Amino acid sequence: MKLSDFHRRAERGFTLAEMVMVAGLLAILATMVLPVAKFTVKRRKETELRLALRQMRTAIDEYKRLSDQGMIPVTLGSEGYPMDLESLVEGVDLVGQEVKRKFLRRIPVDPMTKEAEWGKRSYQDDADSTSWGGENLWDVYSLSDGTAIDGSKYKDW
């Protein structure tokens, strides 16, 4: 092995200063990426929460529309709203038909609490009530105490 081959091989490596600078740049980039990643995950969960609430509220509205048209038998005191979320999944028999109408495939999971438990309000409850009267199901909301990116509370959505 010639001495010139040894010098060429040594010239191909990185100096300690170059390695420190690259490590520093990677550390700076990593500190910039982590908040963005957390923000992205939170935004995705908020989108999932809005979708789940929209699906359940649309199902409740569709149930109410059919009961107002006389297609679903109305229970006294229910005001034409479903009794609970489970009845939207199990479905109801339509009047004069042998068809069972289902409004939801399943009860969605709250992405903030990671459970299929939701706050419920009856038509007879106050609009900002946090306890369910149980007469019917007029509205649903998240049980999470978290705060959204826009500063609002998830339970107020």
N, C-alpha and C. Protein backbone atom coordinates (compact mmCIF):
# COMPACT_ATOMS: atom_id res chain seq x y z
N MET A 1 0.84 -1.17 0.00
CA MET A 1 0.00 0.00 0.00
C MET A 1 0.89 1.23 0.00
N LYS A 2 0.60 2.11 -0.88
CA LYS A 2 1.40 3.33 -1.01
C LYS A 2 0.88 4.38 -0.03
N LEU A 3 1.77 5.32 0.30
CA LEU A 3 1.41 6.41 1.19
C LEU A 3 0.34 7.31 0.56
N SER A 4 0.36 7.49 -0.77
CA SER A 4 -0.63 8.33 -1.44
C SER A 4 -2.03 7.71 -1.36
N ASP A 5 -2.15 6.37 -1.36
CA ASP A 5 -3.44 5.70 -1.20
C ASP A 5 -4.00 5.96 0.20
N PHE A 6 -3.13 5.99 1.19
CA PHE A 6 -3.56 6.23 2.57
C PHE A 6 -4.12 7.64 2.71
N HIS A 7 -3.45 8.63 2.09
CA HIS A 7 -3.93 10.01 2.16
C HIS A 7 -5.26 10.19 1.44
N ARG A 8 -5.43 9.52 0.29
CA ARG A 8 -6.69 9.62 -0.45
C ARG A 8 -7.84 9.03 0.37
N ARG A 9 -7.58 7.92 1.03
CA ARG A 9 -8.60 7.27 1.84
C ARG A 9 -8.99 8.17 3.01
N ALA A 10 -8.05 8.84 3.64
CA ALA A 10 -8.32 9.72 4.76
C ALA A 10 -9.08 10.97 4.31
N GLU A 11 -8.87 11.44 3.09
CA GLU A 11 -9.55 12.62 2.59
C GLU A 11 -11.03 12.37 2.32
N ARG A 12 -11.43 11.13 2.19
CA ARG A 12 -12.83 10.81 1.89
C ARG A 12 -13.73 10.93 3.11
N GLY A 13 -13.24 10.94 4.31
CA GLY A 13 -14.05 10.99 5.54
C GLY A 13 -14.49 12.40 5.88
N PHE A 14 -15.28 12.53 6.95
CA PHE A 14 -15.77 13.82 7.43
C PHE A 14 -14.94 14.25 8.62
N THR A 15 -14.79 15.54 8.77
CA THR A 15 -14.08 16.05 9.93
C THR A 15 -15.05 16.12 11.10
N LEU A 16 -14.52 16.26 12.29
CA LEU A 16 -15.35 16.36 13.49
C LEU A 16 -16.23 17.60 13.41
N ALA A 17 -15.74 18.68 12.91
CA ALA A 17 -16.51 19.91 12.80
C ALA A 17 -17.72 19.72 11.87
N GLU A 18 -17.51 19.03 10.76
CA GLU A 18 -18.61 18.76 9.85
C GLU A 18 -19.68 17.88 10.50
N MET A 19 -19.25 16.90 11.23
CA MET A 19 -20.20 16.01 11.92
C MET A 19 -21.00 16.77 12.97
N VAL A 20 -20.37 17.66 13.72
CA VAL A 20 -21.06 18.45 14.74
C VAL A 20 -22.07 19.39 14.08
N MET A 21 -21.71 20.00 12.97
CA MET A 21 -22.63 20.89 12.28
C MET A 21 -23.84 20.13 11.74
N VAL A 22 -23.63 18.97 11.17
CA VAL A 22 -24.74 18.16 10.66
C VAL A 22 -25.65 17.73 11.80
N ALA A 23 -25.06 17.30 12.91
CA ALA A 23 -25.87 16.90 14.07
C ALA A 23 -26.67 18.08 14.60
N GLY A 24 -26.07 19.25 14.63
CA GLY A 24 -26.77 20.45 15.08
C GLY A 24 -27.93 20.81 14.18
N LEU A 25 -27.72 20.73 12.87
CA LEU A 25 -28.81 21.01 11.92
C LEU A 25 -29.95 20.00 12.06
N LEU A 26 -29.61 18.74 12.25
CA LEU A 26 -30.65 17.71 12.45
C LEU A 26 -31.43 17.97 13.73
N ALA A 27 -30.73 18.40 14.78
CA ALA A 27 -31.42 18.70 16.04
C ALA A 27 -32.38 19.88 15.86
N ILE A 28 -31.96 20.90 15.15
CA ILE A 28 -32.82 22.06 14.89
C ILE A 28 -34.04 21.65 14.08
N LEU A 29 -33.83 20.85 13.05
CA LEU A 29 -34.96 20.39 12.23
C LEU A 29 -35.92 19.52 13.03
N ALA A 30 -35.38 18.68 13.90
CA ALA A 30 -36.24 17.81 14.72
C ALA A 30 -37.09 18.63 15.68
N THR A 31 -36.53 19.69 16.25
CA THR A 31 -37.32 20.52 17.16
C THR A 31 -38.40 21.29 16.42
N MET A 32 -38.19 21.54 15.13
CA MET A 32 -39.22 22.21 14.34
C MET A 32 -40.32 21.24 13.91
N VAL A 33 -39.98 19.98 13.69
CA VAL A 33 -40.93 19.00 13.18
C VAL A 33 -41.88 18.51 14.28
N LEU A 34 -41.41 18.34 15.50
CA LEU A 34 -42.24 17.78 16.56
C LEU A 34 -43.51 18.60 16.84
N PRO A 35 -43.44 19.91 17.00
CA PRO A 35 -44.69 20.66 17.20
C PRO A 35 -45.64 20.56 16.01
N VAL A 36 -45.10 20.55 14.82
CA VAL A 36 -45.94 20.43 13.62
C VAL A 36 -46.63 19.07 13.61
N ALA A 37 -45.91 18.01 13.99
CA ALA A 37 -46.50 16.67 14.02
C ALA A 37 -47.60 16.60 15.08
N LYS A 38 -47.38 17.18 16.26
CA LYS A 38 -48.41 17.18 17.30
C LYS A 38 -49.64 17.95 16.84
N PHE A 39 -49.43 19.08 16.19
CA PHE A 39 -50.51 19.89 15.67
C PHE A 39 -51.31 19.12 14.63
N THR A 40 -50.62 18.38 13.77
CA THR A 40 -51.27 17.60 12.72
C THR A 40 -52.12 16.49 13.32
N VAL A 41 -51.60 15.81 14.34
CA VAL A 41 -52.35 14.74 14.99
C VAL A 41 -53.60 15.30 15.66
N LYS A 42 -53.45 16.43 16.34
CA LYS A 42 -54.60 17.04 17.02
C LYS A 42 -55.65 17.48 16.00
N ARG A 43 -55.21 18.06 14.90
CA ARG A 43 -56.15 18.49 13.86
C ARG A 43 -56.90 17.29 13.27
N ARG A 44 -56.20 16.16 13.07
CA ARG A 44 -56.84 14.95 12.54
C ARG A 44 -57.90 14.44 13.51
N LYS A 45 -57.58 14.43 14.81
CA LYS A 45 -58.56 13.98 15.81
C LYS A 45 -59.77 14.90 15.84
N GLU A 46 -59.54 16.19 15.71
CA GLU A 46 -60.66 17.14 15.69
C GLU A 46 -61.55 16.92 14.47
N THR A 47 -60.93 16.61 13.34
CA THR A 47 -61.70 16.32 12.13
C THR A 47 -62.55 15.06 12.34
N GLU A 48 -61.96 14.04 12.97
CA GLU A 48 -62.70 12.81 13.25
C GLU A 48 -63.85 13.07 14.21
N LEU A 49 -63.62 13.93 15.22
CA LEU A 49 -64.68 14.26 16.17
C LEU A 49 -65.83 14.99 15.47
N ARG A 50 -65.51 15.94 14.63
CA ARG A 50 -66.56 16.66 13.90
C ARG A 50 -67.37 15.72 13.00
N LEU A 51 -66.67 14.79 12.36
CA LEU A 51 -67.35 13.82 11.50
C LEU A 51 -68.28 12.91 12.32
N ALA A 52 -67.79 12.42 13.45
CA ALA A 52 -68.62 11.54 14.30
C ALA A 52 -69.86 12.27 14.80
N LEU A 53 -69.68 13.51 15.26
CA LEU A 53 -70.83 14.29 15.73
C LEU A 53 -71.81 14.56 14.59
N ARG A 54 -71.29 14.85 13.41
CA ARG A 54 -72.16 15.11 12.25
C ARG A 54 -72.96 13.86 11.89
N GLN A 55 -72.30 12.68 11.91
CA GLN A 55 -72.99 11.43 11.57
C GLN A 55 -74.13 11.16 12.56
N MET A 56 -73.85 11.30 13.85
CA MET A 56 -74.89 11.01 14.85
C MET A 56 -76.01 12.03 14.78
N ARG A 57 -75.68 13.30 14.62
CA ARG A 57 -76.72 14.33 14.56
C ARG A 57 -77.56 14.19 13.29
N THR A 58 -76.93 13.80 12.19
CA THR A 58 -77.69 13.56 10.95
C THR A 58 -78.63 12.37 11.14
N ALA A 59 -78.17 11.32 11.82
CA ALA A 59 -79.02 10.15 12.08
C ALA A 59 -80.20 10.53 12.97
N ILE A 60 -79.95 11.35 13.99
CA ILE A 60 -81.04 11.81 14.87
C ILE A 60 -82.04 12.64 14.07
N ASP A 61 -81.55 13.53 13.22
CA ASP A 61 -82.44 14.36 12.40
C ASP A 61 -83.26 13.53 11.41
N GLU A 62 -82.64 12.51 10.83
CA GLU A 62 -83.35 11.64 9.89
C GLU A 62 -84.45 10.85 10.62
N TYR A 63 -84.13 10.36 11.82
CA TYR A 63 -85.13 9.66 12.64
C TYR A 63 -86.31 10.60 12.92
N LYS A 64 -86.00 11.82 13.33
CA LYS A 64 -87.05 12.80 13.64
C LYS A 64 -87.89 13.11 12.40
N ARG A 65 -87.24 13.25 11.25
CA ARG A 65 -87.96 13.54 10.01
C ARG A 65 -88.95 12.42 9.69
N LEU A 66 -88.49 11.17 9.81
CA LEU A 66 -89.38 10.04 9.52
C LEU A 66 -90.50 9.93 10.54
N SER A 67 -90.22 10.25 11.80
CA SER A 67 -91.30 10.18 12.80
C SER A 67 -92.32 11.29 12.57
N ASP A 68 -91.86 12.46 12.13
CA ASP A 68 -92.79 13.55 11.82
C ASP A 68 -93.66 13.21 10.61
N GLN A 69 -93.15 12.39 9.69
CA GLN A 69 -93.92 11.96 8.52
C GLN A 69 -94.83 10.77 8.85
N GLY A 70 -94.75 10.27 10.07
CA GLY A 70 -95.58 9.14 10.47
C GLY A 70 -95.02 7.80 10.05
N MET A 71 -93.78 7.75 9.64
CA MET A 71 -93.16 6.49 9.21
C MET A 71 -92.63 5.67 10.39
N ILE A 72 -92.43 6.33 11.53
CA ILE A 72 -91.94 5.66 12.74
C ILE A 72 -92.95 5.94 13.85
N PRO A 73 -93.37 4.91 14.58
CA PRO A 73 -94.29 5.15 15.70
C PRO A 73 -93.63 6.03 16.76
N VAL A 74 -94.38 7.01 17.25
CA VAL A 74 -93.85 7.96 18.23
C VAL A 74 -94.27 7.52 19.63
N THR A 75 -93.28 7.41 20.51
CA THR A 75 -93.53 7.08 21.91
C THR A 75 -93.93 8.35 22.65
N LEU A 76 -94.88 8.26 23.55
CA LEU A 76 -95.35 9.40 24.30
C LEU A 76 -94.18 10.03 25.08
N GLY A 77 -94.00 11.32 24.93
CA GLY A 77 -92.93 12.04 25.63
C GLY A 77 -91.61 12.08 24.88
N SER A 78 -91.53 11.37 23.76
CA SER A 78 -90.26 11.35 23.03
C SER A 78 -90.16 12.50 22.03
N GLU A 79 -91.27 13.17 21.76
CA GLU A 79 -91.31 14.27 20.80
C GLU A 79 -90.88 13.84 19.40
N GLY A 80 -90.85 12.52 19.14
CA GLY A 80 -90.45 12.01 17.83
C GLY A 80 -88.96 11.77 17.69
N TYR A 81 -88.21 11.96 18.76
CA TYR A 81 -86.77 11.70 18.73
C TYR A 81 -86.49 10.28 19.20
N PRO A 82 -85.33 9.71 18.81
CA PRO A 82 -85.01 8.35 19.27
C PRO A 82 -84.79 8.33 20.78
N MET A 83 -84.92 7.16 21.37
CA MET A 83 -84.75 7.02 22.82
C MET A 83 -83.27 7.01 23.22
N ASP A 84 -82.39 6.49 22.34
CA ASP A 84 -80.96 6.42 22.64
C ASP A 84 -80.19 6.14 21.35
N LEU A 85 -78.87 6.15 21.44
CA LEU A 85 -78.04 5.90 20.27
C LEU A 85 -78.16 4.46 19.78
N GLU A 86 -78.36 3.53 20.71
CA GLU A 86 -78.46 2.12 20.34
C GLU A 86 -79.63 1.86 19.40
N SER A 87 -80.73 2.59 19.59
CA SER A 87 -81.89 2.39 18.72
C SER A 87 -81.58 2.86 17.29
N LEU A 88 -80.66 3.79 17.13
CA LEU A 88 -80.26 4.22 15.79
C LEU A 88 -79.42 3.16 15.10
N VAL A 89 -78.70 2.37 15.88
CA VAL A 89 -77.88 1.29 15.33
C VAL A 89 -78.74 0.05 15.06
N GLU A 90 -79.58 -0.31 16.02
CA GLU A 90 -80.43 -1.51 15.88
C GLU A 90 -81.49 -1.31 14.81
N GLY A 91 -81.96 -0.08 14.65
CA GLY A 91 -82.97 0.21 13.65
C GLY A 91 -84.37 0.13 14.21
N VAL A 92 -85.31 0.64 13.45
CA VAL A 92 -86.72 0.65 13.84
C VAL A 92 -87.56 0.15 12.67
N ASP A 93 -88.69 -0.46 13.00
CA ASP A 93 -89.62 -0.91 11.97
C ASP A 93 -90.42 0.28 11.46
N LEU A 94 -90.48 0.42 10.15
CA LEU A 94 -91.25 1.49 9.55
C LEU A 94 -92.72 1.09 9.51
N VAL A 95 -93.59 2.06 9.71
CA VAL A 95 -95.03 1.82 9.75
C VAL A 95 -95.52 1.35 8.38
N GLY A 96 -96.27 0.22 8.38
CA GLY A 96 -96.86 -0.30 7.16
C GLY A 96 -95.88 -1.00 6.24
N GLN A 97 -94.66 -1.20 6.68
CA GLN A 97 -93.66 -1.87 5.85
C GLN A 97 -92.97 -2.94 6.68
N GLU A 98 -92.45 -3.91 6.00
CA GLU A 98 -91.70 -4.95 6.69
C GLU A 98 -90.20 -4.67 6.59
N VAL A 99 -89.89 -3.39 6.62
CA VAL A 99 -88.50 -2.95 6.48
C VAL A 99 -88.03 -2.35 7.80
N LYS A 100 -86.85 -2.75 8.19
CA LYS A 100 -86.26 -2.16 9.38
C LYS A 100 -85.26 -1.11 8.92
N ARG A 101 -85.40 0.10 9.39
CA ARG A 101 -84.54 1.21 8.97
C ARG A 101 -83.45 1.43 10.03
N LYS A 102 -82.20 1.33 9.60
CA LYS A 102 -81.06 1.59 10.48
C LYS A 102 -80.48 2.95 10.09
N PHE A 103 -80.07 3.71 11.10
CA PHE A 103 -79.58 5.06 10.87
C PHE A 103 -78.06 5.17 11.04
N LEU A 104 -77.48 4.28 11.84
CA LEU A 104 -76.04 4.23 12.05
C LEU A 104 -75.56 2.79 11.95
N ARG A 105 -74.38 2.57 11.42
CA ARG A 105 -73.80 1.22 11.41
C ARG A 105 -73.33 0.81 12.79
N ARG A 106 -72.74 1.79 13.46
CA ARG A 106 -72.25 1.56 14.83
C ARG A 106 -72.17 2.91 15.51
N ILE A 107 -72.06 2.89 16.82
CA ILE A 107 -71.86 4.14 17.55
C ILE A 107 -70.40 4.53 17.39
N PRO A 108 -70.12 5.70 16.86
CA PRO A 108 -68.73 6.10 16.64
C PRO A 108 -67.95 6.23 17.95
N VAL A 109 -66.65 6.05 17.84
CA VAL A 109 -65.76 6.22 18.99
C VAL A 109 -65.33 7.69 19.04
N ASP A 110 -65.40 8.28 20.21
CA ASP A 110 -64.93 9.65 20.40
C ASP A 110 -63.41 9.64 20.31
N PRO A 111 -62.81 10.30 19.32
CA PRO A 111 -61.36 10.25 19.17
C PRO A 111 -60.60 10.92 20.31
N MET A 112 -61.28 11.76 21.08
CA MET A 112 -60.61 12.44 22.19
C MET A 112 -60.57 11.56 23.44
N THR A 113 -61.64 10.82 23.70
CA THR A 113 -61.68 9.95 24.88
C THR A 113 -61.38 8.50 24.53
N LYS A 114 -61.38 8.18 23.23
CA LYS A 114 -61.14 6.83 22.71
C LYS A 114 -62.18 5.82 23.22
N GLU A 115 -63.38 6.27 23.48
CA GLU A 115 -64.49 5.42 23.91
C GLU A 115 -65.74 5.78 23.10
N ALA A 116 -66.67 4.83 23.03
CA ALA A 116 -67.92 5.07 22.31
C ALA A 116 -68.97 5.64 23.26
N GLU A 117 -68.54 6.44 24.21
CA GLU A 117 -69.44 7.09 25.16
C GLU A 117 -69.58 8.56 24.80
N TRP A 118 -70.80 9.04 24.79
CA TRP A 118 -71.08 10.42 24.40
C TRP A 118 -71.99 11.07 25.42
N GLY A 119 -71.87 12.36 25.57
CA GLY A 119 -72.83 13.11 26.36
C GLY A 119 -74.12 13.22 25.58
N LYS A 120 -75.24 13.19 26.27
CA LYS A 120 -76.54 13.22 25.59
C LYS A 120 -77.42 14.31 26.18
N ARG A 121 -78.29 14.85 25.34
CA ARG A 121 -79.28 15.82 25.80
C ARG A 121 -80.65 15.42 25.27
N SER A 122 -81.65 15.60 26.10
CA SER A 122 -83.04 15.39 25.68
C SER A 122 -83.59 16.69 25.13
N TYR A 123 -84.68 16.58 24.40
CA TYR A 123 -85.36 17.76 23.89
C TYR A 123 -85.83 18.64 25.05
N GLN A 124 -86.15 18.02 26.18
CA GLN A 124 -86.64 18.73 27.34
C GLN A 124 -85.53 19.36 28.18
N ASP A 125 -84.26 18.96 27.97
CA ASP A 125 -83.13 19.50 28.74
C ASP A 125 -82.79 20.91 28.25
N ASP A 126 -82.09 21.65 29.10
CA ASP A 126 -81.56 22.95 28.68
C ASP A 126 -80.49 22.74 27.61
N ALA A 127 -80.27 23.74 26.77
CA ALA A 127 -79.32 23.61 25.67
C ALA A 127 -77.89 23.38 26.15
N ASP A 128 -77.54 23.89 27.33
CA ASP A 128 -76.18 23.73 27.84
C ASP A 128 -76.12 22.72 28.99
N SER A 129 -77.14 21.91 29.12
CA SER A 129 -77.20 20.91 30.19
C SER A 129 -76.12 19.84 30.01
N THR A 130 -75.56 19.39 31.12
CA THR A 130 -74.56 18.32 31.07
C THR A 130 -75.12 17.02 31.65
N SER A 131 -76.38 17.02 32.01
CA SER A 131 -77.01 15.78 32.48
C SER A 131 -78.18 15.45 31.55
N TRP A 132 -78.32 14.18 31.27
CA TRP A 132 -79.33 13.73 30.32
C TRP A 132 -80.61 13.38 31.06
N GLY A 133 -81.72 13.98 30.64
CA GLY A 133 -83.00 13.69 31.26
C GLY A 133 -83.51 12.30 30.96
N GLY A 134 -83.12 11.72 29.82
CA GLY A 134 -83.48 10.36 29.47
C GLY A 134 -84.79 10.21 28.72
N GLU A 135 -85.54 11.30 28.49
CA GLU A 135 -86.82 11.18 27.79
C GLU A 135 -86.63 10.79 26.33
N ASN A 136 -85.60 11.32 25.70
CA ASN A 136 -85.30 11.04 24.31
C ASN A 136 -83.87 11.48 24.03
N LEU A 137 -83.45 11.34 22.79
CA LEU A 137 -82.10 11.76 22.40
C LEU A 137 -82.21 12.86 21.37
N TRP A 138 -81.94 14.08 21.80
CA TRP A 138 -82.06 15.24 20.95
C TRP A 138 -80.70 15.71 20.42
N ASP A 139 -79.63 15.54 21.22
CA ASP A 139 -78.30 16.00 20.83
C ASP A 139 -77.25 15.15 21.51
N VAL A 140 -76.05 15.14 20.92
CA VAL A 140 -74.89 14.44 21.50
C VAL A 140 -73.70 15.40 21.52
N TYR A 141 -72.79 15.16 22.44
CA TYR A 141 -71.58 15.97 22.53
C TYR A 141 -70.46 15.13 23.13
N SER A 142 -69.23 15.59 22.97
CA SER A 142 -68.06 14.87 23.47
C SER A 142 -67.96 15.02 24.98
N LEU A 143 -67.50 13.98 25.65
CA LEU A 143 -67.29 14.03 27.09
C LEU A 143 -65.88 14.50 27.44
N SER A 144 -65.09 14.85 26.44
CA SER A 144 -63.72 15.29 26.66
C SER A 144 -63.69 16.70 27.26
N ASP A 145 -62.79 16.92 28.20
CA ASP A 145 -62.60 18.24 28.79
C ASP A 145 -61.53 19.04 28.05
N GLY A 146 -61.01 18.49 26.95
CA GLY A 146 -59.93 19.12 26.21
C GLY A 146 -60.35 20.39 25.49
N THR A 147 -59.33 21.13 25.07
CA THR A 147 -59.54 22.38 24.35
C THR A 147 -59.06 22.20 22.92
N ALA A 148 -59.83 22.70 21.99
CA ALA A 148 -59.52 22.59 20.57
C ALA A 148 -58.43 23.59 20.17
N ILE A 149 -57.95 23.44 18.96
CA ILE A 149 -56.93 24.34 18.43
C ILE A 149 -57.45 25.78 18.40
N ASP A 150 -58.75 25.95 18.11
CA ASP A 150 -59.33 27.29 18.04
C ASP A 150 -59.68 27.87 19.41
N GLY A 151 -59.42 27.12 20.49
CA GLY A 151 -59.67 27.62 21.85
C GLY A 151 -61.01 27.20 22.44
N SER A 152 -61.89 26.62 21.63
CA SER A 152 -63.18 26.17 22.15
C SER A 152 -63.03 24.82 22.84
N LYS A 153 -63.99 24.47 23.66
CA LYS A 153 -64.00 23.18 24.36
C LYS A 153 -64.69 22.16 23.48
N TYR A 154 -64.14 20.93 23.48
CA TYR A 154 -64.74 19.87 22.66
C TYR A 154 -66.18 19.57 23.09
N LYS A 155 -66.46 19.68 24.37
CA LYS A 155 -67.81 19.37 24.84
C LYS A 155 -68.85 20.40 24.40
N ASP A 156 -68.37 21.57 23.89
CA ASP A 156 -69.28 22.60 23.41
C ASP A 156 -69.57 22.50 21.91
N TRP A 157 -68.94 21.54 21.24
CA TRP A 157 -69.13 21.42 19.80
C TRP A 157 -70.49 20.86 19.48
